[in-house]
């Protein structure tokens, strides 16, 4: 009975494509004339990317502005619950006590 290999899903295809690109990029860049080809492609595609990125920037900025206040409040609540200052003072006191016990001067 022949072995049936399932078709790859989108994540597998993207993973293999990115791994291949990352693996072969050094060889491509070592080839003669790679600088010229790379600069030519950059000059061709950069304006298009800059135009298209503006479609993404505004919605992302609005989303961040909407999400930032609740996240900030949550972080402040966690900081109050953690009592990091008290823990840091306790650790500092323990280190100083051990240094005193060993006879080492501390500042």
PDB file of N, CA and C in Angstrom:
ATOM      1  N   UNK A   1       0.840  -1.170   0.000  1.00  0.00           N
ATOM      2  CA  UNK A   1       0.000   0.000   0.000  1.00  0.00           C
ATOM      3  C   UNK A   1       0.891   1.240   0.000  1.00  0.00           C
ATOM      4  N   UNK A   2       0.653   2.173  -0.915  1.00  0.00           N
ATOM      5  CA  UNK A   2       1.517   3.354  -0.986  1.00  0.00           C
ATOM      6  C   UNK A   2       1.298   4.272   0.205  1.00  0.00           C
ATOM      7  N   UNK A   3       2.356   4.938   0.557  1.00  0.00           N
ATOM      8  CA  UNK A   3       2.312   5.890   1.665  1.00  0.00           C
ATOM      9  C   UNK A   3       1.685   7.186   1.174  1.00  0.00           C
ATOM     10  N   UNK A   4       0.664   7.647   1.862  1.00  0.00           N
ATOM     11  CA  UNK A   4      -0.005   8.889   1.478  1.00  0.00           C
ATOM     12  C   UNK A   4       0.467  10.021   2.373  1.00  0.00           C
ATOM     13  N   UNK A   5       0.992  11.034   1.765  1.00  0.00           N
ATOM     14  CA  UNK A   5       1.473  12.202   2.507  1.00  0.00           C
ATOM     15  C   UNK A   5       0.422  13.295   2.392  1.00  0.00           C
ATOM     16  N   UNK A   6      -0.061  13.806   3.512  1.00  0.00           N
ATOM     17  CA  UNK A   6      -1.094  14.847   3.441  1.00  0.00           C
ATOM     18  C   UNK A   6      -0.537  16.143   2.859  1.00  0.00           C
ATOM     19  N   UNK A   7      -1.404  16.902   2.244  1.00  0.00           N
ATOM     20  CA  UNK A   7      -1.005  18.193   1.684  1.00  0.00           C
ATOM     21  C   UNK A   7      -0.623  19.139   2.823  1.00  0.00           C
ATOM     22  N   UNK A   8       0.421  19.944   2.624  1.00  0.00           N
ATOM     23  CA  UNK A   8       0.831  20.867   3.698  1.00  0.00           C
ATOM     24  C   UNK A   8      -0.184  21.985   3.875  1.00  0.00           C
ATOM     25  N   UNK A   9      -0.330  22.410   5.118  1.00  0.00           N
ATOM     26  CA  UNK A   9      -1.230  23.539   5.370  1.00  0.00           C
ATOM     27  C   UNK A   9      -0.466  24.851   5.196  1.00  0.00           C
ATOM     28  N   UNK A  10      -1.140  25.953   5.348  1.00  0.00           N
ATOM     29  CA  UNK A  10      -0.560  27.268   5.076  1.00  0.00           C
ATOM     30  C   UNK A  10       0.635  27.563   5.982  1.00  0.00           C
ATOM     31  N   UNK A  11       0.542  27.198   7.253  1.00  0.00           N
ATOM     32  CA  UNK A  11       1.631  27.478   8.191  1.00  0.00           C
ATOM     33  C   UNK A  11       2.885  26.693   7.805  1.00  0.00           C
ATOM     34  N   UNK A  12       2.715  25.450   7.419  1.00  0.00           N
ATOM     35  CA  UNK A  12       3.869  24.644   7.010  1.00  0.00           C
ATOM     36  C   UNK A  12       4.532  25.217   5.766  1.00  0.00           C
ATOM     37  N   UNK A  13       3.727  25.659   4.802  1.00  0.00           N
ATOM     38  CA  UNK A  13       4.281  26.236   3.579  1.00  0.00           C
ATOM     39  C   UNK A  13       5.050  27.509   3.897  1.00  0.00           C
ATOM     40  N   UNK A  14       4.475  28.383   4.727  1.00  0.00           N
ATOM     41  CA  UNK A  14       5.158  29.632   5.083  1.00  0.00           C
ATOM     42  C   UNK A  14       6.444  29.365   5.868  1.00  0.00           C
ATOM     43  N   UNK A  15       6.414  28.370   6.744  1.00  0.00           N
ATOM     44  CA  UNK A  15       7.607  28.032   7.524  1.00  0.00           C
ATOM     45  C   UNK A  15       8.723  27.540   6.618  1.00  0.00           C
ATOM     46  N   UNK A  16       8.392  26.648   5.693  1.00  0.00           N
ATOM     47  CA  UNK A  16       9.403  26.130   4.779  1.00  0.00           C
ATOM     48  C   UNK A  16       9.930  27.225   3.846  1.00  0.00           C
ATOM     49  N   UNK A  17       9.054  28.112   3.408  1.00  0.00           N
ATOM     50  CA  UNK A  17       9.489  29.198   2.520  1.00  0.00           C
ATOM     51  C   UNK A  17      10.434  30.148   3.246  1.00  0.00           C
ATOM     52  N   UNK A  18      10.091  30.500   4.483  1.00  0.00           N
ATOM     53  CA  UNK A  18      10.959  31.422   5.229  1.00  0.00           C
ATOM     54  C   UNK A  18      12.290  30.760   5.586  1.00  0.00           C
ATOM     55  N   UNK A  19      12.262  29.477   5.917  1.00  0.00           N
ATOM     56  CA  UNK A  19      13.507  28.764   6.220  1.00  0.00           C
ATOM     57  C   UNK A  19      14.385  28.666   4.978  1.00  0.00           C
ATOM     58  N   UNK A  20      13.785  28.426   3.840  1.00  0.00           N
ATOM     59  CA  UNK A  20      14.554  28.346   2.596  1.00  0.00           C
ATOM     60  C   UNK A  20      15.157  29.700   2.250  1.00  0.00           C
ATOM     61  N   UNK A  21      14.364  30.747   2.391  1.00  0.00           N
ATOM     62  CA  UNK A  21      14.878  32.084   2.086  1.00  0.00           C
ATOM     63  C   UNK A  21      16.028  32.446   3.023  1.00  0.00           C
ATOM     64  N   UNK A  22      15.874  32.146   4.302  1.00  0.00           N
ATOM     65  CA  UNK A  22      16.929  32.461   5.267  1.00  0.00           C
ATOM     66  C   UNK A  22      18.165  31.605   5.017  1.00  0.00           C
ATOM     67  N   UNK A  23      17.966  30.364   4.592  1.00  0.00           N
ATOM     68  CA  UNK A  23      19.108  29.472   4.352  1.00  0.00           C
ATOM     69  C   UNK A  23      19.891  29.826   3.106  1.00  0.00           C
ATOM     70  N   UNK A  24      19.202  30.261   2.059  1.00  0.00           N
ATOM     71  CA  UNK A  24      19.887  30.536   0.799  1.00  0.00           C
ATOM     72  C   UNK A  24      20.277  31.999   0.633  1.00  0.00           C
ATOM     73  N   UNK A  25      19.853  32.880   1.520  1.00  0.00           N
ATOM     74  CA  UNK A  25      20.185  34.300   1.399  1.00  0.00           C
ATOM     75  C   UNK A  25      21.694  34.551   1.399  1.00  0.00           C
ATOM     76  N   UNK A  26      22.484  33.920   2.275  1.00  0.00           N
ATOM     77  CA  UNK A  26      23.933  34.179   2.224  1.00  0.00           C
ATOM     78  C   UNK A  26      24.561  33.793   0.888  1.00  0.00           C
ATOM     79  N   UNK A  27      24.112  32.677   0.296  1.00  0.00           N
ATOM     80  CA  UNK A  27      24.660  32.278  -0.995  1.00  0.00           C
ATOM     81  C   UNK A  27      24.274  33.265  -2.089  1.00  0.00           C
ATOM     82  N   UNK A  28      23.057  33.756  -2.038  1.00  0.00           N
ATOM     83  CA  UNK A  28      22.597  34.738  -3.010  1.00  0.00           C
ATOM     84  C   UNK A  28      23.417  36.023  -2.894  1.00  0.00           C
ATOM     85  N   UNK A  29      23.693  36.435  -1.661  1.00  0.00           N
ATOM     86  CA  UNK A  29      24.429  37.680  -1.461  1.00  0.00           C
ATOM     87  C   UNK A  29      25.915  37.543  -1.789  1.00  0.00           C
ATOM     88  N   UNK A  30      26.443  36.306  -1.814  1.00  0.00           N
ATOM     89  CA  UNK A  30      27.841  36.102  -2.182  1.00  0.00           C
ATOM     90  C   UNK A  30      28.034  36.062  -3.692  1.00  0.00           C
ATOM     91  N   UNK A  31      26.965  35.885  -4.445  1.00  0.00           N
ATOM     92  CA  UNK A  31      27.075  35.787  -5.900  1.00  0.00           C
ATOM     93  C   UNK A  31      27.522  37.121  -6.482  1.00  0.00           C
ATOM     94  N   UNK A  32      28.251  37.089  -7.596  1.00  0.00           N
ATOM     95  CA  UNK A  32      28.692  38.348  -8.211  1.00  0.00           C
ATOM     96  C   UNK A  32      27.500  39.173  -8.688  1.00  0.00           C
ATOM     97  N   UNK A  33      27.560  40.474  -8.430  1.00  0.00           N
ATOM     98  CA  UNK A  33      26.506  41.380  -8.858  1.00  0.00           C
ATOM     99  C   UNK A  33      25.297  41.407  -7.949  1.00  0.00           C
ATOM    100  N   UNK A  34      25.383  40.787  -6.780  1.00  0.00           N
ATOM    101  CA  UNK A  34      24.238  40.726  -5.870  1.00  0.00           C
ATOM    102  C   UNK A  34      23.873  42.117  -5.359  1.00  0.00           C
ATOM    103  N   UNK A  35      24.868  42.961  -5.128  1.00  0.00           N
ATOM    104  CA  UNK A  35      24.581  44.313  -4.629  1.00  0.00           C
ATOM    105  C   UNK A  35      23.726  45.094  -5.614  1.00  0.00           C
ATOM    106  N   UNK A  36      24.086  44.999  -6.888  1.00  0.00           N
ATOM    107  CA  UNK A  36      23.319  45.732  -7.892  1.00  0.00           C
ATOM    108  C   UNK A  36      21.899  45.198  -8.001  1.00  0.00           C
ATOM    109  N   UNK A  37      21.746  43.873  -8.008  1.00  0.00           N
ATOM    110  CA  UNK A  37      20.405  43.284  -8.098  1.00  0.00           C
ATOM    111  C   UNK A  37      19.566  43.648  -6.882  1.00  0.00           C
ATOM    112  N   UNK A  38      20.187  43.604  -5.698  1.00  0.00           N
ATOM    113  CA  UNK A  38      19.464  43.930  -4.476  1.00  0.00           C
ATOM    114  C   UNK A  38      19.037  45.398  -4.462  1.00  0.00           C
ATOM    115  N   UNK A  39      19.928  46.305  -4.878  1.00  0.00           N
ATOM    116  CA  UNK A  39      19.557  47.726  -4.895  1.00  0.00           C
ATOM    117  C   UNK A  39      18.485  47.991  -5.947  1.00  0.00           C
ATOM    118  N   UNK A  40      18.535  47.289  -7.068  1.00  0.00           N
ATOM    119  CA  UNK A  40      17.515  47.454  -8.101  1.00  0.00           C
ATOM    120  C   UNK A  40      16.137  47.026  -7.584  1.00  0.00           C
ATOM    121  N   UNK A  41      16.095  45.895  -6.898  1.00  0.00           N
ATOM    122  CA  UNK A  41      14.829  45.417  -6.353  1.00  0.00           C
ATOM    123  C   UNK A  41      14.319  46.326  -5.239  1.00  0.00           C
ATOM    124  N   UNK A  42      15.235  46.843  -4.429  1.00  0.00           N
ATOM    125  CA  UNK A  42      14.840  47.758  -3.354  1.00  0.00           C
ATOM    126  C   UNK A  42      14.236  49.031  -3.941  1.00  0.00           C
ATOM    127  N   UNK A  43      14.890  49.572  -4.966  1.00  0.00           N
ATOM    128  CA  UNK A  43      14.353  50.779  -5.603  1.00  0.00           C
ATOM    129  C   UNK A  43      13.001  50.519  -6.249  1.00  0.00           C
ATOM    130  N   UNK A  44      12.786  49.308  -6.722  1.00  0.00           N
ATOM    131  CA  UNK A  44      11.522  48.970  -7.362  1.00  0.00           C
ATOM    132  C   UNK A  44      10.398  48.801  -6.343  1.00  0.00           C
ATOM    133  N   UNK A  45      10.680  48.089  -5.246  1.00  0.00           N
ATOM    134  CA  UNK A  45       9.615  47.700  -4.331  1.00  0.00           C
ATOM    135  C   UNK A  45       9.409  48.634  -3.148  1.00  0.00           C
ATOM    136  N   UNK A  46      10.409  49.406  -2.752  1.00  0.00           N
ATOM    137  CA  UNK A  46      10.282  50.265  -1.565  1.00  0.00           C
ATOM    138  C   UNK A  46       9.133  51.258  -1.673  1.00  0.00           C
ATOM    139  N   UNK A  47       8.961  51.964  -2.798  1.00  0.00           N
ATOM    140  CA  UNK A  47       7.819  52.898  -2.864  1.00  0.00           C
ATOM    141  C   UNK A  47       6.480  52.190  -2.716  1.00  0.00           C
ATOM    142  N   UNK A  48       6.360  50.999  -3.267  1.00  0.00           N
ATOM    143  CA  UNK A  48       5.102  50.256  -3.145  1.00  0.00           C
ATOM    144  C   UNK A  48       4.845  49.853  -1.703  1.00  0.00           C
ATOM    145  N   UNK A  49       5.902  49.396  -1.031  1.00  0.00           N
ATOM    146  CA  UNK A  49       5.730  49.006   0.375  1.00  0.00           C
ATOM    147  C   UNK A  49       5.342  50.218   1.215  1.00  0.00           C
ATOM    148  N   UNK A  50       5.978  51.362   0.944  1.00  0.00           N
ATOM    149  CA  UNK A  50       5.672  52.557   1.728  1.00  0.00           C
ATOM    150  C   UNK A  50       4.228  53.001   1.506  1.00  0.00           C
ATOM    151  N   UNK A  51       3.736  52.883   0.283  1.00  0.00           N
ATOM    152  CA  UNK A  51       2.336  53.233   0.022  1.00  0.00           C
ATOM    153  C   UNK A  51       1.402  52.276   0.737  1.00  0.00           C
ATOM    154  N   UNK A  52       1.723  50.992   0.690  1.00  0.00           N
ATOM    155  CA  UNK A  52       0.836  49.997   1.275  1.00  0.00           C
ATOM    156  C   UNK A  52       0.884  50.000   2.795  1.00  0.00           C
ATOM    157  N   UNK A  53       2.006  50.375   3.378  1.00  0.00           N
ATOM    158  CA  UNK A  53       2.108  50.345   4.837  1.00  0.00           C
ATOM    159  C   UNK A  53       1.232  51.424   5.457  1.00  0.00           C
ATOM    160  N   UNK A  54       0.957  52.510   4.733  1.00  0.00           N
ATOM    161  CA  UNK A  54       0.108  53.557   5.286  1.00  0.00           C
ATOM    162  C   UNK A  54      -1.315  53.062   5.499  1.00  0.00           C
ATOM    163  N   UNK A  55      -1.725  52.047   4.750  1.00  0.00           N
ATOM    164  CA  UNK A  55      -3.050  51.462   4.970  1.00  0.00           C
ATOM    165  C   UNK A  55      -3.128  50.737   6.306  1.00  0.00           C
ATOM    166  N   UNK A  56      -1.987  50.263   6.778  1.00  0.00           N
ATOM    167  CA  UNK A  56      -1.949  49.477   8.008  1.00  0.00           C
ATOM    168  C   UNK A  56      -1.695  50.351   9.224  1.00  0.00           C
ATOM    169  N   UNK A  57      -0.922  51.417   9.049  1.00  0.00           N
ATOM    170  CA  UNK A  57      -0.463  52.218  10.185  1.00  0.00           C
ATOM    171  C   UNK A  57      -1.625  52.852  10.937  1.00  0.00           C
ATOM    172  N   UNK A  58      -2.534  53.503  10.235  1.00  0.00           N
ATOM    173  CA  UNK A  58      -3.615  54.214  10.916  1.00  0.00           C
ATOM    174  C   UNK A  58      -4.511  53.287  11.739  1.00  0.00           C
ATOM    175  N   UNK A  59      -4.984  52.161  11.209  1.00  0.00           N
ATOM    176  CA  UNK A  59      -5.793  51.278  12.056  1.00  0.00           C
ATOM    177  C   UNK A  59      -5.021  50.727  13.258  1.00  0.00           C
ATOM    178  N   UNK A  60      -3.744  50.434  13.061  1.00  0.00           N
ATOM    179  CA  UNK A  60      -2.947  49.909  14.178  1.00  0.00           C
ATOM    180  C   UNK A  60      -2.783  50.974  15.252  1.00  0.00           C
ATOM    181  N   UNK A  61      -2.506  52.214  14.840  1.00  0.00           N
ATOM    182  CA  UNK A  61      -2.370  53.294  15.826  1.00  0.00           C
ATOM    183  C   UNK A  61      -3.667  53.494  16.601  1.00  0.00           C
ATOM    184  N   UNK A  62      -4.805  53.456  15.916  1.00  0.00           N
ATOM    185  CA  UNK A  62      -6.086  53.600  16.611  1.00  0.00           C
ATOM    186  C   UNK A  62      -6.301  52.449  17.583  1.00  0.00           C
ATOM    187  N   UNK A  63      -5.948  51.248  17.160  1.00  0.00           N
ATOM    188  CA  UNK A  63      -6.105  50.097  18.044  1.00  0.00           C
ATOM    189  C   UNK A  63      -5.234  50.204  19.279  1.00  0.00           C
ATOM    190  N   UNK A  64      -4.002  50.656  19.098  1.00  0.00           N
ATOM    191  CA  UNK A  64      -3.092  50.817  20.240  1.00  0.00           C
ATOM    192  C   UNK A  64      -3.615  51.884  21.188  1.00  0.00           C
ATOM    193  N   UNK A  65      -4.116  52.997  20.656  1.00  0.00           N
ATOM    194  CA  UNK A  65      -4.654  54.048  21.510  1.00  0.00           C
ATOM    195  C   UNK A  65      -5.873  53.561  22.283  1.00  0.00           C
ATOM    196  N   UNK A  66      -6.639  52.669  21.682  1.00  0.00           N
ATOM    197  CA  UNK A  66      -7.822  52.150  22.358  1.00  0.00           C
ATOM    198  C   UNK A  66      -7.440  51.144  23.450  1.00  0.00           C
ATOM    199  N   UNK A  67      -6.395  50.373  23.205  1.00  0.00           N
ATOM    200  CA  UNK A  67      -6.016  49.302  24.125  1.00  0.00           C
ATOM    201  C   UNK A  67      -5.096  49.794  25.238  1.00  0.00           C
ATOM    202  N   UNK A  68      -4.349  50.867  24.999  1.00  0.00           N
ATOM    203  CA  UNK A  68      -3.328  51.312  25.946  1.00  0.00           C
ATOM    204  C   UNK A  68      -3.864  51.626  27.345  1.00  0.00           C
ATOM    205  N   UNK A  69      -4.956  52.384  27.511  1.00  0.00           N
ATOM    206  CA  UNK A  69      -5.394  52.698  28.882  1.00  0.00           C
ATOM    207  C   UNK A  69      -5.764  51.469  29.718  1.00  0.00           C
ATOM    208  N   UNK A  70      -6.537  50.492  29.197  1.00  0.00           N
ATOM    209  CA  UNK A  70      -6.809  49.325  30.034  1.00  0.00           C
ATOM    210  C   UNK A  70      -5.564  48.517  30.370  1.00  0.00           C
ATOM    211  N   UNK A  71      -4.634  48.432  29.419  1.00  0.00           N
ATOM    212  CA  UNK A  71      -3.391  47.694  29.685  1.00  0.00           C
ATOM    213  C   UNK A  71      -2.588  48.412  30.762  1.00  0.00           C
ATOM    214  N   UNK A  72      -2.533  49.725  30.687  1.00  0.00           N
ATOM    215  CA  UNK A  72      -1.804  50.501  31.691  1.00  0.00           C
ATOM    216  C   UNK A  72      -2.406  50.299  33.087  1.00  0.00           C
ATOM    217  N   UNK A  73      -3.738  50.329  33.166  1.00  0.00           N
ATOM    218  CA  UNK A  73      -4.388  50.097  34.459  1.00  0.00           C
ATOM    219  C   UNK A  73      -4.093  48.693  34.981  1.00  0.00           C
ATOM    220  N   UNK A  74      -4.112  47.719  34.110  1.00  0.00           N
ATOM    221  CA  UNK A  74      -3.823  46.345  34.529  1.00  0.00           C
ATOM    222  C   UNK A  74      -2.406  46.212  35.048  1.00  0.00           C
ATOM    223  N   UNK A  75      -1.453  46.847  34.368  1.00  0.00           N
ATOM    224  CA  UNK A  75      -0.058  46.788  34.808  1.00  0.00           C
ATOM    225  C   UNK A  75       0.083  47.445  36.177  1.00  0.00           C
ATOM    226  N   UNK A  76      -0.572  48.576  36.390  1.00  0.00           N
ATOM    227  CA  UNK A  76      -0.490  49.238  37.694  1.00  0.00           C
ATOM    228  C   UNK A  76      -1.081  48.366  38.793  1.00  0.00           C
ATOM    229  N   UNK A  77      -2.189  47.672  38.503  1.00  0.00           N
ATOM    230  CA  UNK A  77      -2.779  46.771  39.506  1.00  0.00           C
ATOM    231  C   UNK A  77      -1.803  45.659  39.860  1.00  0.00           C
ATOM    232  N   UNK A  78      -1.157  45.088  38.841  1.00  0.00           N
ATOM    233  CA  UNK A  78      -0.213  44.005  39.104  1.00  0.00           C
ATOM    234  C   UNK A  78       0.984  44.497  39.890  1.00  0.00           C
ATOM    235  N   UNK A  79       1.470  45.703  39.577  1.00  0.00           N
ATOM    236  CA  UNK A  79       2.605  46.238  40.320  1.00  0.00           C
ATOM    237  C   UNK A  79       2.260  46.424  41.787  1.00  0.00           C
ATOM    238  N   UNK A  80       1.042  46.855  42.087  1.00  0.00           N
ATOM    239  CA  UNK A  80       0.639  47.027  43.480  1.00  0.00           C
ATOM    240  C   UNK A  80       0.520  45.682  44.179  1.00  0.00           C
ATOM    241  N   UNK A  81       0.051  44.683  43.464  1.00  0.00           N
ATOM    242  CA  UNK A  81      -0.104  43.360  44.075  1.00  0.00           C
ATOM    243  C   UNK A  81       1.221  42.671  44.330  1.00  0.00           C
ATOM    244  N   UNK A  82       2.201  42.923  43.481  1.00  0.00           N
ATOM    245  CA  UNK A  82       3.449  42.180  43.576  1.00  0.00           C
ATOM    246  C   UNK A  82       4.330  42.621  44.741  1.00  0.00           C
ATOM    247  N   UNK A  83       4.222  43.859  45.153  1.00  0.00           N
ATOM    248  CA  UNK A  83       5.031  44.396  46.254  1.00  0.00           C
ATOM    249  C   UNK A  83       6.526  44.181  45.990  1.00  0.00           C
ATOM    250  N   UNK A  84       6.970  44.617  44.822  1.00  0.00           N
ATOM    251  CA  UNK A  84       8.360  44.404  44.421  1.00  0.00           C
ATOM    252  C   UNK A  84       9.336  45.172  45.293  1.00  0.00           C
ATOM    253  N   UNK A  85       8.958  46.353  45.744  1.00  0.00           N
ATOM    254  CA  UNK A  85       9.869  47.146  46.563  1.00  0.00           C
ATOM    255  C   UNK A  85      10.153  46.431  47.889  1.00  0.00           C
ATOM    256  N   UNK A  86       9.114  45.881  48.496  1.00  0.00           N
ATOM    257  CA  UNK A  86       9.289  45.163  49.756  1.00  0.00           C
ATOM    258  C   UNK A  86      10.188  43.939  49.562  1.00  0.00           C
ATOM    259  N   UNK A  87       9.991  43.219  48.474  1.00  0.00           N
ATOM    260  CA  UNK A  87      10.817  42.044  48.200  1.00  0.00           C
ATOM    261  C   UNK A  87      12.267  42.449  47.948  1.00  0.00           C
ATOM    262  N   UNK A  88      12.479  43.556  47.214  1.00  0.00           N
ATOM    263  CA  UNK A  88      13.837  44.000  46.933  1.00  0.00           C
ATOM    264  C   UNK A  88      14.549  44.421  48.218  1.00  0.00           C
ATOM    265  N   UNK A  89      13.836  45.101  49.126  1.00  0.00           N
ATOM    266  CA  UNK A  89      14.445  45.495  50.399  1.00  0.00           C
ATOM    267  C   UNK A  89      14.805  44.269  51.234  1.00  0.00           C
ATOM    268  N   UNK A  90      13.944  43.254  51.209  1.00  0.00           N
ATOM    269  CA  UNK A  90      14.202  42.036  51.964  1.00  0.00           C
ATOM    270  C   UNK A  90      15.450  41.321  51.425  1.00  0.00           C
ATOM    271  N   UNK A  91      15.584  41.256  50.114  1.00  0.00           N
ATOM    272  CA  UNK A  91      16.762  40.624  49.510  1.00  0.00           C
ATOM    273  C   UNK A  91      18.013  41.423  49.844  1.00  0.00           C
ATOM    274  N   UNK A  92      17.930  42.752  49.767  1.00  0.00           N
ATOM    275  CA  UNK A  92      19.076  43.595  50.084  1.00  0.00           C
ATOM    276  C   UNK A  92      19.508  43.403  51.537  1.00  0.00           C
ATOM    277  N   UNK A  93      18.519  43.337  52.433  1.00  0.00           N
ATOM    278  CA  UNK A  93      18.845  43.143  53.850  1.00  0.00           C
ATOM    279  C   UNK A  93      19.523  41.790  54.076  1.00  0.00           C
ATOM    280  N   UNK A  94      19.040  40.767  53.372  1.00  0.00           N
ATOM    281  CA  UNK A  94      19.646  39.441  53.509  1.00  0.00           C
ATOM    282  C   UNK A  94      21.075  39.407  52.991  1.00  0.00           C
ATOM    283  N   UNK A  95      21.327  40.074  51.873  1.00  0.00           N
ATOM    284  CA  UNK A  95      22.689  40.118  51.325  1.00  0.00           C
ATOM    285  C   UNK A  95      23.618  40.843  52.283  1.00  0.00           C
ATOM    286  N   UNK A  96      23.165  41.987  52.821  1.00  0.00           N
ATOM    287  CA  UNK A  96      24.005  42.743  53.758  1.00  0.00           C
ATOM    288  C   UNK A  96      24.286  41.938  55.017  1.00  0.00           C
ATOM    289  N   UNK A  97      23.274  41.218  55.514  1.00  0.00           N
ATOM    290  CA  UNK A  97      23.460  40.398  56.706  1.00  0.00           C
ATOM    291  C   UNK A  97      24.499  39.303  56.458  1.00  0.00           C
ATOM    292  N   UNK A  98      24.438  38.670  55.287  1.00  0.00           N
ATOM    293  CA  UNK A  98      25.413  37.620  54.971  1.00  0.00           C
ATOM    294  C   UNK A  98      26.809  38.196  54.791  1.00  0.00           C
ATOM    295  N   UNK A  99      26.915  39.399  54.184  1.00  0.00           N
ATOM    296  CA  UNK A  99      28.230  40.019  54.049  1.00  0.00           C
ATOM    297  C   UNK A  99      28.797  40.371  55.415  1.00  0.00           C
ATOM    298  N   UNK A 100      27.969  40.862  56.337  1.00  0.00           N
ATOM    299  CA  UNK A 100      28.429  41.166  57.693  1.00  0.00           C
ATOM    300  C   UNK A 100      28.900  39.901  58.393  1.00  0.00           C
ATOM    301  N   UNK A 101      28.154  38.813  58.214  1.00  0.00           N
ATOM    302  CA  UNK A 101      28.510  37.566  58.863  1.00  0.00           C
ATOM    303  C   UNK A 101      29.854  37.035  58.365  1.00  0.00           C
ATOM    304  N   UNK A 102      30.157  37.258  57.054  1.00  0.00           N
ATOM    305  CA  UNK A 102      31.420  36.806  56.481  1.00  0.00           C
ATOM    306  C   UNK A 102      32.543  37.800  56.740  1.00  0.00           C
ATOM    307  N   UNK A 103      32.230  38.965  57.261  1.00  0.00           N
ATOM    308  CA  UNK A 103      33.250  39.963  57.570  1.00  0.00           C
ATOM    309  C   UNK A 103      33.667  40.785  56.374  1.00  0.00           C
ATOM    310  N   UNK A 104      32.821  40.914  55.376  1.00  0.00           N
ATOM    311  CA  UNK A 104      33.131  41.691  54.190  1.00  0.00           C
ATOM    312  C   UNK A 104      32.436  43.060  54.315  1.00  0.00           C
ATOM    313  N   UNK A 105      33.191  44.134  54.045  1.00  0.00           N
ATOM    314  CA  UNK A 105      32.619  45.467  54.124  1.00  0.00           C
ATOM    315  C   UNK A 105      31.695  45.694  52.940  1.00  0.00           C
ATOM    316  N   UNK A 106      30.596  46.376  53.177  1.00  0.00           N
ATOM    317  CA  UNK A 106      29.677  46.740  52.098  1.00  0.00           C
ATOM    318  C   UNK A 106      29.334  48.215  52.226  1.00  0.00           C
ATOM    319  N   UNK A 107      28.867  48.769  51.128  1.00  0.00           N
ATOM    320  CA  UNK A 107      28.540  50.197  51.162  1.00  0.00           C
ATOM    321  C   UNK A 107      27.041  50.404  51.126  1.00  0.00           C
TER     322      UNK A 107
END
